[in-house]
Amino acid sequence: MPIIGLTGNFGMGKSTVLRLFSKLGAFTFSADEFVHNLLESPGIIRKITKVLGREILAVSSRNISINKKLVADIIFKDPHKRKAIEKIIHPEVLRLIKQTSCEIQSREPSALIIFEVPLLLEAGYSRHFNKTIVTYCRRDTAITRLTRKGFSRNEVVKRMHSQMPIAEKKKHADFLIDNNNGTGNTALQVKKIFQELHSA
């Protein structure tokens, strides 16, 4: 079965779509979860500290960790620092994607495996996937969703500006999911794509 990359822009419903695919029986993984785990690795913490300075460290009596919100604030204001951090993180994420795919395929050759990767196209990952799905919605809808979750409008706009425009991402998609009209409508689109991938 093909290995699928799922992407879209900030607040456009990638995680919702991933959950819908999971309910249908696909093996689903989030690159953000991989990153979350990587940021707890001492080796990665050291590399990031060299780029951003020790102020990003959260030190407790138990351990030393990274203040993820502070890192996000820094890198979404400074494109050069963001690129430097991406050079540390992206190869590790790609390694985990390949490792995870191999492990599942060795057990279940017919498995449908989907990875949610926010920067799939920006990072040049598309060549590592057999097919690409792009989830999209209107920009104002995404902003509304994210501000309800506690992000400031300023934070949302900065993150959106750091990503490839969604119109450009749509051009690279094998499948498109319109997430403007509620979860029920999105679920119907997911089911159709799931069936098409299984019958391929």
C-alpha atoms as a PDB file:
ATOM      1  CA  MET A   1       0.000   0.000   0.000  1.00  0.00           C
ATOM      2  CA  PRO A   2       1.138   3.570  -0.597  1.00  0.00           C
ATOM      3  CA  ILE A   3       2.620   5.790   2.103  1.00  0.00           C
ATOM      4  CA  ILE A   4       0.656   9.028   2.239  1.00  0.00           C
ATOM      5  CA  GLY A   5       1.709  12.520   3.267  1.00  0.00           C
ATOM      6  CA  LEU A   6      -1.065  14.727   4.652  1.00  0.00           C
ATOM      7  CA  THR A   7      -0.500  18.468   4.792  1.00  0.00           C
ATOM      8  CA  GLY A   8      -2.208  21.849   4.734  1.00  0.00           C
ATOM      9  CA  ASN A   9      -1.653  25.130   6.527  1.00  0.00           C
ATOM     10  CA  PHE A  10      -1.967  26.207  10.145  1.00  0.00           C
ATOM     11  CA  GLY A  11      -5.517  25.751  11.468  1.00  0.00           C
ATOM     12  CA  MET A  12      -6.906  24.186   8.291  1.00  0.00           C
ATOM     13  CA  GLY A  13      -7.897  20.842   9.792  1.00  0.00           C
ATOM     14  CA  LYS A  14      -4.991  18.429   9.242  1.00  0.00           C
ATOM     15  CA  SER A  15      -5.396  16.823  12.665  1.00  0.00           C
ATOM     16  CA  THR A  16      -9.142  16.397  12.192  1.00  0.00           C
ATOM     17  CA  VAL A  17      -8.568  14.687   8.839  1.00  0.00           C
ATOM     18  CA  LEU A  18      -5.881  12.454  10.369  1.00  0.00           C
ATOM     19  CA  ARG A  19      -8.318  11.314  13.080  1.00  0.00           C
ATOM     20  CA  LEU A  20     -10.953  10.538  10.440  1.00  0.00           C
ATOM     21  CA  PHE A  21      -8.498   8.370   8.514  1.00  0.00           C
ATOM     22  CA  SER A  22      -7.551   6.607  11.752  1.00  0.00           C
ATOM     23  CA  LYS A  23     -11.221   5.786  12.442  1.00  0.00           C
ATOM     24  CA  LEU A  24     -11.400   4.119   9.026  1.00  0.00           C
ATOM     25  CA  GLY A  25      -8.455   1.865   9.887  1.00  0.00           C
ATOM     26  CA  ALA A  26      -5.421   3.675   8.502  1.00  0.00           C
ATOM     27  CA  PHE A  27      -2.169   3.775  10.498  1.00  0.00           C
ATOM     28  CA  THR A  28      -1.802   7.469  11.279  1.00  0.00           C
ATOM     29  CA  PHE A  29       1.073   9.508  12.695  1.00  0.00           C
ATOM     30  CA  SER A  30       1.738  13.180  13.384  1.00  0.00           C
ATOM     31  CA  ALA A  31       5.117  14.720  12.575  1.00  0.00           C
ATOM     32  CA  ASP A  32       4.381  17.239  15.350  1.00  0.00           C
ATOM     33  CA  GLU A  33       4.332  14.321  17.814  1.00  0.00           C
ATOM     34  CA  PHE A  34       7.706  13.193  16.482  1.00  0.00           C
ATOM     35  CA  VAL A  35       9.023  16.733  16.993  1.00  0.00           C
ATOM     36  CA  HIS A  36       7.575  16.869  20.521  1.00  0.00           C
ATOM     37  CA  ASN A  37       9.495  13.691  21.423  1.00  0.00           C
ATOM     38  CA  LEU A  38      12.674  14.852  19.683  1.00  0.00           C
ATOM     39  CA  LEU A  39      12.658  18.056  21.730  1.00  0.00           C
ATOM     40  CA  GLU A  40      13.083  15.914  24.842  1.00  0.00           C
ATOM     41  CA  SER A  41      16.268  14.301  23.497  1.00  0.00           C
ATOM     42  CA  PRO A  42      19.422  15.619  25.229  1.00  0.00           C
ATOM     43  CA  GLY A  43      21.335  15.625  21.934  1.00  0.00           C
ATOM     44  CA  ILE A  44      18.676  17.688  20.162  1.00  0.00           C
ATOM     45  CA  ILE A  45      18.370  20.030  23.158  1.00  0.00           C
ATOM     46  CA  ARG A  46      22.126  20.714  22.977  1.00  0.00           C
ATOM     47  CA  LYS A  47      22.002  21.458  19.238  1.00  0.00           C
ATOM     48  CA  ILE A  48      19.038  23.818  19.571  1.00  0.00           C
ATOM     49  CA  THR A  49      20.620  25.599  22.554  1.00  0.00           C
ATOM     50  CA  LYS A  50      23.713  26.301  20.440  1.00  0.00           C
ATOM     51  CA  VAL A  51      21.499  28.125  17.930  1.00  0.00           C
ATOM     52  CA  LEU A  52      19.042  29.921  20.229  1.00  0.00           C
ATOM     53  CA  GLY A  53      20.943  30.322  23.495  1.00  0.00           C
ATOM     54  CA  ARG A  54      20.425  28.968  26.998  1.00  0.00           C
ATOM     55  CA  GLU A  55      17.413  31.208  27.674  1.00  0.00           C
ATOM     56  CA  ILE A  56      15.224  28.650  25.879  1.00  0.00           C
ATOM     57  CA  LEU A  57      15.978  26.058  28.564  1.00  0.00           C
ATOM     58  CA  ALA A  58      13.492  25.234  31.311  1.00  0.00           C
ATOM     59  CA  VAL A  59      15.499  23.915  34.264  1.00  0.00           C
ATOM     60  CA  SER A  60      13.880  22.004  37.119  1.00  0.00           C
ATOM     61  CA  SER A  61      15.213  19.796  39.911  1.00  0.00           C
ATOM     62  CA  ARG A  62      14.398  16.744  37.757  1.00  0.00           C
ATOM     63  CA  ASN A  63      15.635  17.657  34.315  1.00  0.00           C
ATOM     64  CA  ILE A  64      16.478  20.231  31.677  1.00  0.00           C
ATOM     65  CA  SER A  65      13.922  20.735  28.914  1.00  0.00           C
ATOM     66  CA  ILE A  66      13.084  23.216  26.189  1.00  0.00           C
ATOM     67  CA  ASN A  67      10.536  25.991  26.629  1.00  0.00           C
ATOM     68  CA  LYS A  68       8.625  25.173  23.419  1.00  0.00           C
ATOM     69  CA  LYS A  69       6.501  28.336  23.456  1.00  0.00           C
ATOM     70  CA  LEU A  70       9.603  30.520  23.743  1.00  0.00           C
ATOM     71  CA  VAL A  71      11.272  28.610  20.887  1.00  0.00           C
ATOM     72  CA  ALA A  72       8.152  29.115  18.733  1.00  0.00           C
ATOM     73  CA  ASP A  73       8.094  32.845  19.547  1.00  0.00           C
ATOM     74  CA  ILE A  74      11.748  33.185  18.521  1.00  0.00           C
ATOM     75  CA  ILE A  75      11.728  31.175  15.311  1.00  0.00           C
ATOM     76  CA  PHE A  76       8.493  32.612  13.914  1.00  0.00           C
ATOM     77  CA  LYS A  77       9.970  36.106  14.297  1.00  0.00           C
ATOM     78  CA  ASP A  78      13.372  35.215  12.794  1.00  0.00           C
ATOM     79  CA  PRO A  79      13.391  33.246   9.498  1.00  0.00           C
ATOM     80  CA  HIS A  80      17.153  32.569   9.728  1.00  0.00           C
ATOM     81  CA  LYS A  81      16.848  30.973  13.171  1.00  0.00           C
ATOM     82  CA  ARG A  82      13.782  29.043  12.033  1.00  0.00           C
ATOM     83  CA  LYS A  83      15.724  27.575   9.099  1.00  0.00           C
ATOM     84  CA  ALA A  84      18.636  26.674  11.396  1.00  0.00           C
ATOM     85  CA  ILE A  85      16.288  24.795  13.741  1.00  0.00           C
ATOM     86  CA  GLU A  86      14.570  23.084  10.804  1.00  0.00           C
ATOM     87  CA  LYS A  87      17.978  21.802   9.633  1.00  0.00           C
ATOM     88  CA  ILE A  88      18.345  20.092  13.018  1.00  0.00           C
ATOM     89  CA  ILE A  89      14.795  18.724  13.262  1.00  0.00           C
ATOM     90  CA  HIS A  90      13.807  17.802   9.693  1.00  0.00           C
ATOM     91  CA  PRO A  91      16.359  15.015   9.079  1.00  0.00           C
ATOM     92  CA  GLU A  92      15.354  13.392  12.370  1.00  0.00           C
ATOM     93  CA  VAL A  93      11.648  13.576  11.516  1.00  0.00           C
ATOM     94  CA  LEU A  94      12.321  12.042   8.108  1.00  0.00           C
ATOM     95  CA  ARG A  95      14.323   9.245   9.749  1.00  0.00           C
ATOM     96  CA  LEU A  96      11.393   8.484  12.074  1.00  0.00           C
ATOM     97  CA  ILE A  97       8.918   8.515   9.170  1.00  0.00           C
ATOM     98  CA  LYS A  98      11.014   5.979   7.260  1.00  0.00           C
ATOM     99  CA  GLN A  99      11.615   3.829  10.340  1.00  0.00           C
ATOM    100  CA  THR A 100       7.917   3.808  11.281  1.00  0.00           C
ATOM    101  CA  SER A 101       6.846   2.944   7.721  1.00  0.00           C
ATOM    102  CA  CYS A 102       9.300   0.047   7.483  1.00  0.00           C
ATOM    103  CA  GLU A 103       8.221  -1.399  10.832  1.00  0.00           C
ATOM    104  CA  ILE A 104       4.518  -1.343   9.901  1.00  0.00           C
ATOM    105  CA  GLN A 105       5.020  -2.634   6.349  1.00  0.00           C
ATOM    106  CA  SER A 106       7.092  -5.550   7.624  1.00  0.00           C
ATOM    107  CA  ARG A 107       4.147  -6.592   9.836  1.00  0.00           C
ATOM    108  CA  GLU A 108       1.284  -5.589   7.556  1.00  0.00           C
ATOM    109  CA  PRO A 109       2.238  -5.186   3.883  1.00  0.00           C
ATOM    110  CA  SER A 110      -1.314  -4.062   3.005  1.00  0.00           C
ATOM    111  CA  ALA A 111      -1.388  -1.279   5.634  1.00  0.00           C
ATOM    112  CA  LEU A 112      -2.387   2.232   4.609  1.00  0.00           C
ATOM    113  CA  ILE A 113       0.025   4.582   6.410  1.00  0.00           C
ATOM    114  CA  ILE A 114      -0.628   8.323   6.662  1.00  0.00           C
ATOM    115  CA  PHE A 115       1.720  10.920   8.123  1.00  0.00           C
ATOM    116  CA  GLU A 116       0.489  14.417   8.965  1.00  0.00           C
ATOM    117  CA  VAL A 117       3.402  16.714   8.068  1.00  0.00           C
ATOM    118  CA  PRO A 118       2.721  20.485   8.286  1.00  0.00           C
ATOM    119  CA  LEU A 119       5.865  21.432   6.322  1.00  0.00           C
ATOM    120  CA  LEU A 120       5.766  18.489   3.909  1.00  0.00           C
ATOM    121  CA  LEU A 121       6.196  20.663   0.808  1.00  0.00           C
ATOM    122  CA  GLU A 122       8.357  23.384   2.374  1.00  0.00           C
ATOM    123  CA  ALA A 123      10.826  20.759   3.619  1.00  0.00           C
ATOM    124  CA  GLY A 124      10.930  18.869   0.311  1.00  0.00           C
ATOM    125  CA  TYR A 125       9.460  15.713   1.837  1.00  0.00           C
ATOM    126  CA  SER A 126       6.965  14.993  -0.955  1.00  0.00           C
ATOM    127  CA  ARG A 127       9.378  12.713  -2.810  1.00  0.00           C
ATOM    128  CA  HIS A 128       9.351  10.374   0.202  1.00  0.00           C
ATOM    129  CA  PHE A 129       5.603   9.757  -0.109  1.00  0.00           C
ATOM    130  CA  ASN A 130       3.642   7.922  -2.780  1.00  0.00           C
ATOM    131  CA  LYS A 131       0.710  10.344  -2.619  1.00  0.00           C
ATOM    132  CA  THR A 132       0.007  13.729  -1.067  1.00  0.00           C
ATOM    133  CA  ILE A 133      -3.264  14.948   0.459  1.00  0.00           C
ATOM    134  CA  VAL A 134      -3.799  18.670   1.054  1.00  0.00           C
ATOM    135  CA  THR A 135      -6.478  19.826   3.492  1.00  0.00           C
ATOM    136  CA  TYR A 136      -7.615  23.417   3.134  1.00  0.00           C
ATOM    137  CA  CYS A 137     -10.170  25.970   4.280  1.00  0.00           C
ATOM    138  CA  ARG A 138     -10.640  29.718   4.057  1.00  0.00           C
ATOM    139  CA  ARG A 139      -7.961  31.766   5.794  1.00  0.00           C
ATOM    140  CA  ASP A 140     -10.488  33.634   7.975  1.00  0.00           C
ATOM    141  CA  THR A 141     -12.004  30.299   9.058  1.00  0.00           C
ATOM    142  CA  ALA A 142      -8.565  29.015  10.101  1.00  0.00           C
ATOM    143  CA  ILE A 143      -7.827  32.222  12.029  1.00  0.00           C
ATOM    144  CA  THR A 144     -11.165  32.002  13.865  1.00  0.00           C
ATOM    145  CA  ARG A 145     -10.544  28.347  14.813  1.00  0.00           C
ATOM    146  CA  LEU A 146      -7.059  29.100  16.131  1.00  0.00           C
ATOM    147  CA  THR A 147      -7.994  32.200  18.137  1.00  0.00           C
ATOM    148  CA  ARG A 148     -10.699  30.099  19.805  1.00  0.00           C
ATOM    149  CA  LYS A 149      -7.948  27.678  20.816  1.00  0.00           C
ATOM    150  CA  GLY A 150      -6.029  30.475  22.516  1.00  0.00           C
ATOM    151  CA  PHE A 151      -3.628  31.692  19.843  1.00  0.00           C
ATOM    152  CA  SER A 152      -3.421  35.434  19.289  1.00  0.00           C
ATOM    153  CA  ARG A 153      -4.243  36.697  15.798  1.00  0.00           C
ATOM    154  CA  ASN A 154      -0.668  37.993  15.559  1.00  0.00           C
ATOM    155  CA  GLU A 155       0.763  34.526  16.348  1.00  0.00           C
ATOM    156  CA  VAL A 156      -1.502  32.913  13.765  1.00  0.00           C
ATOM    157  CA  VAL A 157      -0.599  35.367  11.001  1.00  0.00           C
ATOM    158  CA  LYS A 158       3.154  34.974  11.680  1.00  0.00           C
ATOM    159  CA  ARG A 159       2.902  31.189  11.430  1.00  0.00           C
ATOM    160  CA  MET A 160       0.816  31.385   8.281  1.00  0.00           C
ATOM    161  CA  HIS A 161       3.368  33.682   6.660  1.00  0.00           C
ATOM    162  CA  SER A 162       6.114  31.136   7.399  1.00  0.00           C
ATOM    163  CA  GLN A 163       4.286  28.512   5.303  1.00  0.00           C
ATOM    164  CA  MET A 164       3.835  28.073   1.577  1.00  0.00           C
ATOM    165  CA  PRO A 165       0.539  29.672   0.444  1.00  0.00           C
ATOM    166  CA  ILE A 166      -2.265  27.128   0.483  1.00  0.00           C
ATOM    167  CA  ALA A 167      -3.099  27.879  -3.174  1.00  0.00           C
ATOM    168  CA  GLU A 168       0.414  26.708  -4.076  1.00  0.00           C
ATOM    169  CA  LYS A 169       0.152  23.596  -1.898  1.00  0.00           C
ATOM    170  CA  LYS A 170      -3.092  22.619  -3.619  1.00  0.00           C
ATOM    171  CA  LYS A 171      -1.241  22.501  -6.950  1.00  0.00           C
ATOM    172  CA  HIS A 172       1.008  19.720  -5.591  1.00  0.00           C
ATOM    173  CA  ALA A 173      -1.809  17.545  -4.202  1.00  0.00           C
ATOM    174  CA  ASP A 174      -2.894  14.153  -5.452  1.00  0.00           C
ATOM    175  CA  PHE A 175      -6.046  14.558  -3.340  1.00  0.00           C
ATOM    176  CA  LEU A 176      -7.746  17.666  -1.947  1.00  0.00           C
ATOM    177  CA  ILE A 177      -9.988  17.871   1.122  1.00  0.00           C
ATOM    178  CA  ASP A 178     -12.202  20.953   1.465  1.00  0.00           C
ATOM    179  CA  ASN A 179     -12.593  21.518   5.211  1.00  0.00           C
ATOM    180  CA  ASN A 180     -14.845  24.588   4.969  1.00  0.00           C
ATOM    181  CA  ASN A 181     -18.212  22.939   5.541  1.00  0.00           C
ATOM    182  CA  GLY A 182     -18.127  20.983   8.790  1.00  0.00           C
ATOM    183  CA  THR A 183     -16.742  17.662   9.975  1.00  0.00           C
ATOM    184  CA  GLY A 184     -19.524  15.600   8.387  1.00  0.00           C
ATOM    185  CA  ASN A 185     -18.723  16.911   4.917  1.00  0.00           C
ATOM    186  CA  THR A 186     -15.001  16.437   5.527  1.00  0.00           C
ATOM    187  CA  ALA A 187     -15.598  12.858   6.702  1.00  0.00           C
ATOM    188  CA  LEU A 188     -17.350  12.008   3.416  1.00  0.00           C
ATOM    189  CA  GLN A 189     -14.336  13.256   1.453  1.00  0.00           C
ATOM    190  CA  VAL A 190     -11.951  11.282   3.674  1.00  0.00           C
ATOM    191  CA  LYS A 191     -13.982   8.096   3.205  1.00  0.00           C
ATOM    192  CA  LYS A 192     -13.942   8.506  -0.579  1.00  0.00           C
ATOM    193  CA  ILE A 193     -10.148   8.962  -0.635  1.00  0.00           C
ATOM    194  CA  PHE A 194      -9.660   6.043   1.770  1.00  0.00           C
ATOM    195  CA  GLN A 195     -11.662   3.771  -0.508  1.00  0.00           C
ATOM    196  CA  GLU A 196      -9.812   4.966  -3.601  1.00  0.00           C
ATOM    197  CA  LEU A 197      -6.407   4.345  -1.999  1.00  0.00           C
ATOM    198  CA  HIS A 198      -7.460   0.860  -0.889  1.00  0.00           C
ATOM    199  CA  SER A 199      -8.711  -0.067  -4.320  1.00  0.00           C
ATOM    200  CA  ALA A 200      -5.607   1.236  -6.117  1.00  0.00           C
END
